[in-house]
Amino acid sequence: MREAYQSQLDGLLEELAVMCTSVGTAMRKATDALLDADLSLAEAVISEDMRIDDLRNHAEEKSFALLALQAPVATDLRVVVATIHAAGDLERMGDLALHVARAARRRHPSTVVPDEIKPYFAEMGKVACELAHKAADVIRTSDLSRAQELESDDDAMDDLHRHMFTVLMGREWTHGVAAAVDVTLLARFYERYGDHAVAVARRMVYVITGHMPTAADA
């Protein structure tokens, strides 16, 4: 019985890791769709979002079943509670990739992002995917140092997000209000994606140490 119970707990964490990989793939495809005005990629992200929602629902159902049937305590309870919260963060990361894909589809066949700032969004997409995959590593390895790395990695995303406002308010911006609104929203989607990845890492620190880190601990 104990082995079966432990297997269920391990299964919860593996489901979170799979979700990390899925939302990382979604953001990679969404970024490519955004930069290349690739309608097929945008449609793929939109259609695949339902699978991420299903993964969240399945993880939550298993977590609530364990709470009801096994009454976990200590570390086991932290695993269950962290799974419920982290699954929500990961589902929202999938939604943010979905928003990027929808923006690409809405403006197709035109590109949403002006050519001169595409490199910034390419870098934001790269950072986002790295955050998601590193979060998966943290979940699978319980590596506290890797979890702490996500905090500093997300700083790069925040810097890119802030720089976008400098670009938009500069005299060189000649693309009008509509493009500025698109860019502002898109940059916010990436910035929030990074925040949720960090939140997942903090949940894993909580599982390992029993202490929920805050930004002040980073």
Foldseek 3Di string as FASTA:
>chain_A
DVVVLVVLLLVLLLLLLVLLLVLLVLLLLLLCCQLQLDLVSLVVLQVCLVVLVVSLVVSLVSLVVCCVPPVDDDLSVLSSVLSNVLSVLSSLSSVLSNVSSVQSNVPPPDHLADPVCSVLSVVLSVLLSVLSNLLSVCSVPVDLVSLVVLLVSLVVLVVSLVVLVVVLPDPPDDPDDVSNVSSNSNSVSSNSSSVSSNQSSQSSVCSVPVDRDDNVVD
